[in-house]
Amino acid sequence: MTGAKKIKVLAAMSGGVDSSVAAALLLEQGFEVTGIFMCQQKQAPESAGARSCCSPADAEDARRVAQALGIELIIFPTSAFFNKIIDYFAAEYARGRTPNPCVHCNAYIKFGQMFHLADSMKIDYIATGHYARIIEKDGIAAIARARNRKKDQSYNLFGIGMERLRHIMLPLGDMEDKEAVRETARRMGLKVHDKPDSQEICFAPEGDYASIIRARVPEAFRPGMMIAQDGAVLGKHEGIVNFTIGQRRRLGVSAGKPLYVIHIDAATSTVVLGEKKDLICRYLRADKANWHRPNIPEKFEATVQIRSNHRGAKSIVRLLGRQRFEADFFEPVEAVAPGQAAVVYDGDTLIGGGWIENPPRKDWKI
């Protein structure tokens, strides 16, 4: 880019190795990079066991990396936005659903607020350290899976607006694996090259979701019954917040065979248990859909991924209007959890997704 005006990029910097390498690669490629650290303001106390993002230690790491790269770092407060994500998270558990705060955070904070700031600063692109790729298909910008499928994070990016995709850079999408990222960090002299990955949801660094939910929706801790499909009482529980569809461990009941959570009835605070075969689903419906293509067929074949670690299932997808769709799986799928995202792919290309609806009420004796 010598002799030409440099393209400006606003790069998310969390203080971790991924976002640090992403920013450094863009700088190495000749872009004019400005870093942004999204700060929740109210931080949880540091502890040796906590490995979340957005902590004071992360902020300091981001500052040091920015200083080493010679770029400006903007500290951007996001507590008001994060509170909305946390409210959603708690409300979904109270409804007996399994939330996915990362999808909402990416759509409304990491990308949504970054684009607002980039627009105000007349910056051309935004970039993050997500493991996914931006490609062009049929003349349209699209998100595609990362080269390293095990690290792929495209599932969590379906909520980004289609019109924004052309202005996103994802420098890590073609990296071979995490060790290649760490080796790049070592080559560039970044001291975060051996920093552990964050393991928990950022607003619950110790994994203590319960206290967060209790403060917002105490009714999620209303005691209730655990029953079999025929209505037989199997035990009691201390709140539906402790359960998710497909859960087998920590049920607190004894039986002669493995039991799983197959349904959660929030209205009566009842948890229905069944066998593994009772988790089988042949279709799902999803609402609040967001598509990355302007024209979606009424019916088409695709791969539908129902959670972040799911490999995806071949399906026939049918539109039920622009905002809803259903997917009929070629082969049965286990543990389709209401509240999780159903993300639709054409091969490796993400074409949209929505939120899994509650299944039709079965004749359980609740």
Protein backbone atom coordinates (compact mmCIF):
# COMPACT_ATOMS: atom_id res chain seq x y z
CA MET A 1 0.00 0.00 0.00
CA THR A 2 3.05 2.23 -0.29
CA GLY A 3 2.22 5.59 -1.83
CA ALA A 4 -1.53 5.11 -1.44
CA LYS A 5 -3.85 6.16 1.32
CA LYS A 6 -3.98 3.38 3.88
CA ILE A 7 -7.27 1.61 4.52
CA LYS A 8 -8.43 2.16 8.09
CA VAL A 9 -9.44 -0.77 10.30
CA LEU A 10 -10.93 -0.76 13.80
CA ALA A 11 -9.68 -3.95 15.46
CA ALA A 12 -11.22 -5.51 18.56
CA MET A 13 -8.50 -6.21 21.14
CA SER A 14 -9.47 -8.28 24.17
CA GLY A 15 -5.94 -8.72 25.49
CA GLY A 16 -5.86 -12.34 24.31
CA VAL A 17 -3.57 -13.91 21.76
CA ASP A 18 -6.20 -14.23 19.01
CA SER A 19 -7.26 -10.59 18.81
CA SER A 20 -3.67 -9.43 19.33
CA VAL A 21 -2.42 -11.48 16.39
CA ALA A 22 -5.37 -10.36 14.25
CA ALA A 23 -4.47 -6.70 14.84
CA ALA A 24 -0.77 -7.37 14.28
CA LEU A 25 -1.39 -9.19 10.99
CA LEU A 26 -3.46 -6.31 9.67
CA LEU A 27 -0.73 -3.86 10.62
CA GLU A 28 1.86 -6.08 8.94
CA GLN A 29 -0.28 -6.11 5.79
CA GLY A 30 -0.18 -2.32 5.63
CA PHE A 31 -3.54 -1.31 7.08
CA GLU A 32 -3.96 1.66 9.40
CA VAL A 33 -5.13 -0.07 12.58
CA THR A 34 -6.87 1.40 15.61
CA GLY A 35 -7.52 -0.97 18.52
CA ILE A 36 -10.62 -1.04 20.71
CA PHE A 37 -10.98 -2.74 24.09
CA MET A 38 -14.59 -3.21 25.17
CA CYS A 39 -14.78 -2.65 28.91
CA GLN A 40 -17.67 -3.79 31.08
CA GLN A 41 -16.56 -1.30 33.78
CA LYS A 42 -17.86 -3.35 36.71
CA GLN A 43 -15.29 -6.10 36.80
CA ALA A 44 -15.32 -9.29 38.81
CA PRO A 45 -12.39 -9.75 41.22
CA GLU A 46 -9.37 -11.43 39.68
CA SER A 47 -8.57 -14.98 40.74
CA ALA A 48 -6.09 -17.57 39.63
CA GLY A 49 -8.86 -19.87 38.45
CA ALA A 50 -10.86 -17.37 36.42
CA ARG A 51 -10.08 -17.17 32.72
CA SER A 52 -12.67 -14.86 31.24
CA CYS A 53 -12.33 -11.90 28.93
CA CYS A 54 -12.79 -8.17 29.60
CA SER A 55 -11.04 -8.24 33.01
CA PRO A 56 -8.70 -5.48 34.29
CA ALA A 57 -5.75 -7.78 33.54
CA ASP A 58 -7.03 -8.19 29.98
CA ALA A 59 -7.28 -4.41 29.60
CA GLU A 60 -3.66 -4.08 30.66
CA ASP A 61 -2.59 -6.81 28.23
CA ALA A 62 -4.44 -5.03 25.42
CA ARG A 63 -2.67 -1.75 26.30
CA ARG A 64 0.72 -3.46 26.23
CA VAL A 65 0.06 -5.11 22.88
CA ALA A 66 -1.18 -1.84 21.37
CA GLN A 67 1.91 -0.07 22.69
CA ALA A 68 4.17 -2.78 21.25
CA LEU A 69 2.43 -2.43 17.88
CA GLY A 70 2.52 1.35 18.01
CA ILE A 71 -1.23 1.79 17.55
CA GLU A 72 -3.91 3.73 19.39
CA LEU A 73 -6.15 1.76 21.77
CA ILE A 74 -9.65 3.04 22.55
CA ILE A 75 -11.23 1.92 25.83
CA PHE A 76 -14.93 1.63 25.04
CA PRO A 77 -17.37 1.22 27.98
CA THR A 78 -20.11 -1.30 27.27
CA SER A 79 -21.74 -1.95 30.66
CA ALA A 80 -25.16 -0.64 29.55
CA PHE A 81 -25.12 -2.95 26.54
CA PHE A 82 -23.85 -5.92 28.53
CA ASN A 83 -26.67 -5.47 31.03
CA LYS A 84 -29.14 -6.11 28.22
CA ILE A 85 -27.29 -9.31 27.30
CA ILE A 86 -27.31 -10.44 30.93
CA ASP A 87 -31.03 -9.64 31.27
CA TYR A 88 -31.73 -11.76 28.18
CA PHE A 89 -29.56 -14.58 29.54
CA ALA A 90 -31.43 -14.67 32.86
CA ALA A 91 -34.87 -14.33 31.27
CA GLU A 92 -34.26 -17.27 28.94
CA TYR A 93 -33.30 -19.54 31.82
CA ALA A 94 -36.44 -18.46 33.67
CA ARG A 95 -38.45 -19.56 30.61
CA GLY A 96 -36.86 -23.00 30.68
CA ARG A 97 -34.77 -22.26 27.59
CA THR A 98 -31.03 -22.51 26.91
CA PRO A 99 -29.63 -19.07 26.03
CA ASN A 100 -26.69 -18.25 23.80
CA PRO A 101 -25.35 -14.86 24.93
CA CYS A 102 -22.35 -14.99 22.60
CA VAL A 103 -24.50 -14.67 19.48
CA HIS A 104 -26.29 -11.63 20.92
CA CYS A 105 -23.03 -10.11 22.15
CA ASN A 106 -21.43 -10.45 18.73
CA ALA A 107 -24.42 -8.96 16.92
CA TYR A 108 -25.17 -6.06 19.25
CA ILE A 109 -21.89 -5.27 21.01
CA LYS A 110 -18.72 -6.64 19.41
CA PHE A 111 -19.88 -5.92 15.88
CA GLY A 112 -22.88 -3.64 16.39
CA GLN A 113 -21.19 -1.07 18.61
CA MET A 114 -17.88 -1.37 16.78
CA PHE A 115 -19.62 -0.44 13.53
CA HIS A 116 -21.28 2.57 15.18
CA LEU A 117 -17.89 3.76 16.41
CA ALA A 118 -16.17 3.00 13.10
CA ASP A 119 -18.84 4.95 11.21
CA SER A 120 -18.39 7.96 13.50
CA MET A 121 -14.61 7.81 13.04
CA LYS A 122 -14.86 7.29 9.26
CA ILE A 123 -13.06 3.96 9.54
CA ASP A 124 -13.58 1.62 6.60
CA TYR A 125 -13.53 -1.83 8.23
CA ILE A 126 -13.76 -3.59 11.55
CA ALA A 127 -11.80 -6.72 12.47
CA THR A 128 -11.90 -9.33 15.22
CA GLY A 129 -9.98 -12.44 16.20
CA HIS A 130 -12.85 -14.81 15.46
CA TYR A 131 -12.02 -18.05 13.68
CA ALA A 132 -14.11 -17.63 10.55
CA ARG A 133 -13.60 -16.25 7.04
CA ILE A 134 -15.10 -13.53 4.90
CA ILE A 135 -15.55 -14.69 1.32
CA GLU A 136 -17.39 -13.47 -1.77
CA LYS A 137 -20.02 -15.77 -3.24
CA ASP A 138 -22.15 -14.81 -6.23
CA GLY A 139 -20.92 -11.23 -5.83
CA ILE A 140 -22.11 -11.06 -2.21
CA ALA A 141 -19.90 -10.94 0.89
CA ALA A 142 -20.48 -13.91 3.18
CA ILE A 143 -19.15 -15.53 6.33
CA ALA A 144 -17.61 -18.98 5.88
CA ARG A 145 -16.26 -21.55 8.29
CA ALA A 146 -12.65 -21.28 9.43
CA ARG A 147 -10.02 -23.41 7.74
CA ASN A 148 -9.60 -25.22 11.08
CA ARG A 149 -13.08 -26.65 11.63
CA LYS A 150 -12.34 -27.46 15.30
CA LYS A 151 -11.78 -23.76 16.01
CA ASP A 152 -14.58 -22.48 13.77
CA GLN A 153 -16.70 -19.72 15.38
CA SER A 154 -18.93 -18.80 12.45
CA TYR A 155 -21.97 -20.24 14.27
CA ASN A 156 -21.82 -17.32 16.71
CA LEU A 157 -21.79 -14.72 13.91
CA PHE A 158 -25.13 -15.38 12.21
CA GLY A 159 -26.78 -12.37 13.89
CA ILE A 160 -24.61 -9.79 12.09
CA GLY A 161 -26.51 -7.72 9.54
CA MET A 162 -26.02 -8.76 5.91
CA GLU A 163 -25.21 -5.19 4.85
CA ARG A 164 -22.19 -5.13 7.19
CA LEU A 165 -20.42 -8.27 6.00
CA ARG A 166 -18.46 -6.48 3.26
CA HIS A 167 -16.84 -4.28 5.90
CA ILE A 168 -15.53 -7.05 8.16
CA MET A 169 -12.04 -8.55 8.28
CA LEU A 170 -11.31 -11.86 10.03
CA PRO A 171 -7.54 -12.36 9.76
CA LEU A 172 -7.43 -15.69 11.63
CA GLY A 173 -9.86 -17.57 9.41
CA ASP A 174 -7.14 -19.24 7.35
CA MET A 175 -4.79 -20.05 10.24
CA GLU A 176 -3.97 -23.75 10.43
CA ASP A 177 -4.54 -24.11 14.18
CA LYS A 178 -4.12 -22.36 17.53
CA GLU A 179 -0.44 -23.25 17.70
CA ALA A 180 0.07 -21.42 14.40
CA VAL A 181 -1.53 -18.35 15.99
CA ARG A 182 0.71 -18.62 19.04
CA GLU A 183 3.78 -19.09 16.84
CA THR A 184 2.82 -15.96 14.89
CA ALA A 185 2.52 -14.08 18.20
CA ARG A 186 5.99 -15.29 19.22
CA ARG A 187 7.43 -14.23 15.87
CA MET A 188 5.92 -10.78 16.32
CA GLY A 189 7.24 -10.48 19.87
CA LEU A 190 3.79 -10.34 21.50
CA LYS A 191 4.05 -11.28 25.16
CA VAL A 192 0.53 -12.72 25.18
CA HIS A 193 1.68 -15.61 22.95
CA ASP A 194 1.24 -18.13 25.79
CA LYS A 195 -1.79 -16.58 27.48
CA PRO A 196 -4.52 -19.20 28.19
CA ASP A 197 -7.78 -18.98 26.28
CA SER A 198 -10.83 -17.63 28.10
CA GLN A 199 -13.08 -20.49 29.14
CA GLU A 200 -16.17 -18.92 30.67
CA ILE A 201 -18.89 -16.50 29.64
CA CYS A 202 -17.36 -13.07 30.20
CA PHE A 203 -19.96 -11.82 32.69
CA ALA A 204 -19.61 -14.99 34.81
CA PRO A 205 -15.83 -15.52 35.04
CA GLU A 206 -16.13 -18.12 37.79
CA GLY A 207 -18.97 -19.92 36.03
CA ASP A 208 -21.38 -18.63 38.68
CA TYR A 209 -24.45 -18.14 36.52
CA ALA A 210 -26.79 -18.84 39.43
CA SER A 211 -26.13 -15.65 41.38
CA ILE A 212 -26.55 -13.54 38.24
CA ILE A 213 -29.86 -15.17 37.40
CA ARG A 214 -31.12 -15.12 41.00
CA ALA A 215 -30.63 -11.35 41.19
CA ARG A 216 -32.77 -10.81 38.10
CA VAL A 217 -35.35 -13.61 38.00
CA PRO A 218 -35.61 -15.32 41.39
CA GLU A 219 -38.62 -17.29 40.15
CA ALA A 220 -36.17 -19.44 38.18
CA PHE A 221 -35.24 -20.94 41.56
CA ARG A 222 -38.77 -21.95 42.46
CA PRO A 223 -38.67 -25.59 43.68
CA GLY A 224 -40.51 -28.10 41.55
CA MET A 225 -40.97 -31.72 40.63
CA MET A 226 -38.98 -34.03 38.40
CA ILE A 227 -41.28 -36.48 36.64
CA ALA A 228 -41.31 -39.27 34.10
CA GLN A 229 -43.32 -38.94 30.91
CA ASP A 230 -46.23 -40.79 32.50
CA GLY A 231 -46.35 -38.28 35.36
CA ALA A 232 -44.64 -40.48 37.95
CA VAL A 233 -42.71 -38.34 40.41
CA LEU A 234 -38.98 -39.10 40.34
CA GLY A 235 -37.75 -36.39 42.68
CA LYS A 236 -37.66 -32.71 43.51
CA HIS A 237 -35.42 -29.89 42.33
CA GLU A 238 -34.41 -26.41 43.50
CA GLY A 239 -35.15 -24.50 40.30
CA ILE A 240 -35.31 -25.00 36.54
CA VAL A 241 -32.23 -22.81 36.16
CA ASN A 242 -30.18 -25.89 37.05
CA PHE A 243 -31.23 -27.82 33.95
CA THR A 244 -30.95 -27.82 30.19
CA ILE A 245 -32.24 -30.15 27.48
CA GLY A 246 -30.09 -33.26 27.13
CA GLN A 247 -28.56 -32.96 30.61
CA ARG A 248 -27.71 -36.28 32.27
CA ARG A 249 -25.45 -35.41 35.19
CA ARG A 250 -26.38 -33.78 38.50
CA LEU A 251 -30.06 -34.65 38.20
CA GLY A 252 -30.33 -35.77 41.81
CA VAL A 253 -32.46 -38.84 41.07
CA SER A 254 -31.70 -42.54 41.15
CA ALA A 255 -32.96 -44.90 38.48
CA GLY A 256 -32.09 -48.25 37.00
CA LYS A 257 -31.19 -46.63 33.70
CA PRO A 258 -29.64 -43.36 32.52
CA LEU A 259 -32.11 -40.47 32.50
CA TYR A 260 -31.94 -37.19 30.61
CA VAL A 261 -33.77 -33.88 30.74
CA ILE A 262 -36.17 -33.99 27.80
CA HIS A 263 -38.48 -31.07 28.65
CA ILE A 264 -38.65 -28.10 31.02
CA ASP A 265 -42.04 -26.60 31.86
CA ALA A 266 -41.37 -23.14 33.25
CA ALA A 267 -45.02 -22.43 34.09
CA THR A 268 -45.18 -25.28 36.61
CA SER A 269 -41.44 -25.51 37.39
CA THR A 270 -41.50 -29.14 36.24
CA VAL A 271 -38.58 -31.03 34.72
CA VAL A 272 -39.47 -34.06 32.59
CA LEU A 273 -36.94 -36.90 32.44
CA GLY A 274 -36.69 -39.66 29.87
CA GLU A 275 -34.32 -42.01 28.09
CA LYS A 276 -31.79 -41.04 25.46
CA LYS A 277 -34.16 -42.10 22.69
CA ASP A 278 -36.63 -39.50 23.95
CA LEU A 279 -34.17 -36.74 23.01
CA ILE A 280 -34.43 -37.61 19.33
CA CYS A 281 -35.84 -34.87 17.10
CA ARG A 282 -36.62 -35.04 13.40
CA TYR A 283 -37.35 -31.36 12.87
CA LEU A 284 -37.23 -27.94 14.48
CA ARG A 285 -38.77 -24.55 14.04
CA ALA A 286 -36.88 -21.30 14.51
CA ASP A 287 -37.95 -17.66 14.71
CA LYS A 288 -36.34 -14.19 14.63
CA ALA A 289 -34.34 -15.31 11.60
CA ASN A 290 -31.48 -13.27 10.16
CA TRP A 291 -30.34 -14.03 6.62
CA HIS A 292 -27.06 -13.19 4.92
CA ARG A 293 -28.51 -13.38 1.42
CA PRO A 294 -31.13 -11.07 -0.08
CA ASN A 295 -33.08 -13.88 -1.72
CA ILE A 296 -33.73 -17.12 0.15
CA PRO A 297 -35.65 -19.93 -1.60
CA GLU A 298 -38.91 -21.07 -0.06
CA LYS A 299 -37.45 -24.58 0.25
CA PHE A 300 -33.85 -25.72 -0.02
CA GLU A 301 -31.33 -28.29 1.18
CA ALA A 302 -28.77 -27.12 3.74
CA THR A 303 -26.78 -28.06 6.82
CA VAL A 304 -28.29 -26.87 10.10
CA GLN A 305 -26.09 -26.52 13.20
CA ILE A 306 -27.99 -26.50 16.52
CA ARG A 307 -25.23 -25.65 19.01
CA SER A 308 -21.66 -24.41 18.89
CA ASN A 309 -20.07 -27.88 19.13
CA HIS A 310 -22.56 -29.60 16.78
CA ARG A 311 -21.19 -30.68 13.41
CA GLY A 312 -24.44 -29.82 11.67
CA ALA A 313 -27.19 -31.97 10.18
CA LYS A 314 -28.30 -32.24 6.57
CA SER A 315 -31.81 -30.84 6.35
CA ILE A 316 -34.57 -29.55 4.17
CA VAL A 317 -35.21 -25.94 5.20
CA ARG A 318 -38.61 -24.35 4.55
CA LEU A 319 -39.33 -20.68 5.05
CA LEU A 320 -42.37 -19.74 7.12
CA GLY A 321 -42.16 -16.09 6.14
CA ARG A 322 -38.96 -14.06 6.29
CA GLN A 323 -38.63 -14.33 10.08
CA ARG A 324 -39.34 -18.03 10.67
CA PHE A 325 -38.27 -21.34 9.20
CA GLU A 326 -38.39 -25.04 9.87
CA ALA A 327 -35.77 -27.70 9.25
CA ASP A 328 -36.51 -31.38 8.59
CA PHE A 329 -33.42 -33.44 9.38
CA PHE A 330 -32.34 -36.23 7.04
CA GLU A 331 -31.22 -38.18 10.12
CA PRO A 332 -32.59 -37.75 13.67
CA VAL A 333 -30.76 -35.25 15.88
CA GLU A 334 -30.41 -35.39 19.67
CA ALA A 335 -31.14 -32.68 22.22
CA VAL A 336 -32.57 -29.81 20.19
CA ALA A 337 -32.71 -27.13 22.89
CA PRO A 338 -35.20 -24.25 22.69
CA GLY A 339 -33.36 -20.94 22.97
CA GLN A 340 -30.26 -22.11 21.14
CA ALA A 341 -29.44 -20.91 17.64
CA ALA A 342 -30.22 -22.95 14.53
CA VAL A 343 -27.63 -21.76 12.00
CA VAL A 344 -27.98 -22.61 8.32
CA TYR A 345 -25.04 -23.35 6.01
CA ASP A 346 -24.60 -23.96 2.30
CA GLY A 347 -21.48 -26.10 2.48
CA ASP A 348 -19.05 -23.98 4.51
CA THR A 349 -20.91 -20.74 3.81
CA LEU A 350 -23.19 -19.30 6.49
CA ILE A 351 -26.47 -18.16 4.97
CA GLY A 352 -28.47 -17.31 8.09
CA GLY A 353 -30.07 -18.63 11.23
CA GLY A 354 -32.71 -18.19 13.88
CA TRP A 355 -33.66 -19.13 17.43
CA ILE A 356 -35.06 -22.57 18.17
CA GLU A 357 -38.68 -22.39 19.29
CA ASN A 358 -40.28 -24.43 22.06
CA PRO A 359 -41.52 -27.76 20.65
CA PRO A 360 -45.24 -28.54 20.44
CA ARG A 361 -46.62 -29.54 23.85
CA LYS A 362 -46.64 -33.31 24.32
CA ASP A 363 -49.15 -35.20 26.42
CA TRP A 364 -47.02 -35.23 29.55
CA LYS A 365 -48.97 -35.42 32.79
CA ILE A 366 -47.60 -32.21 34.30
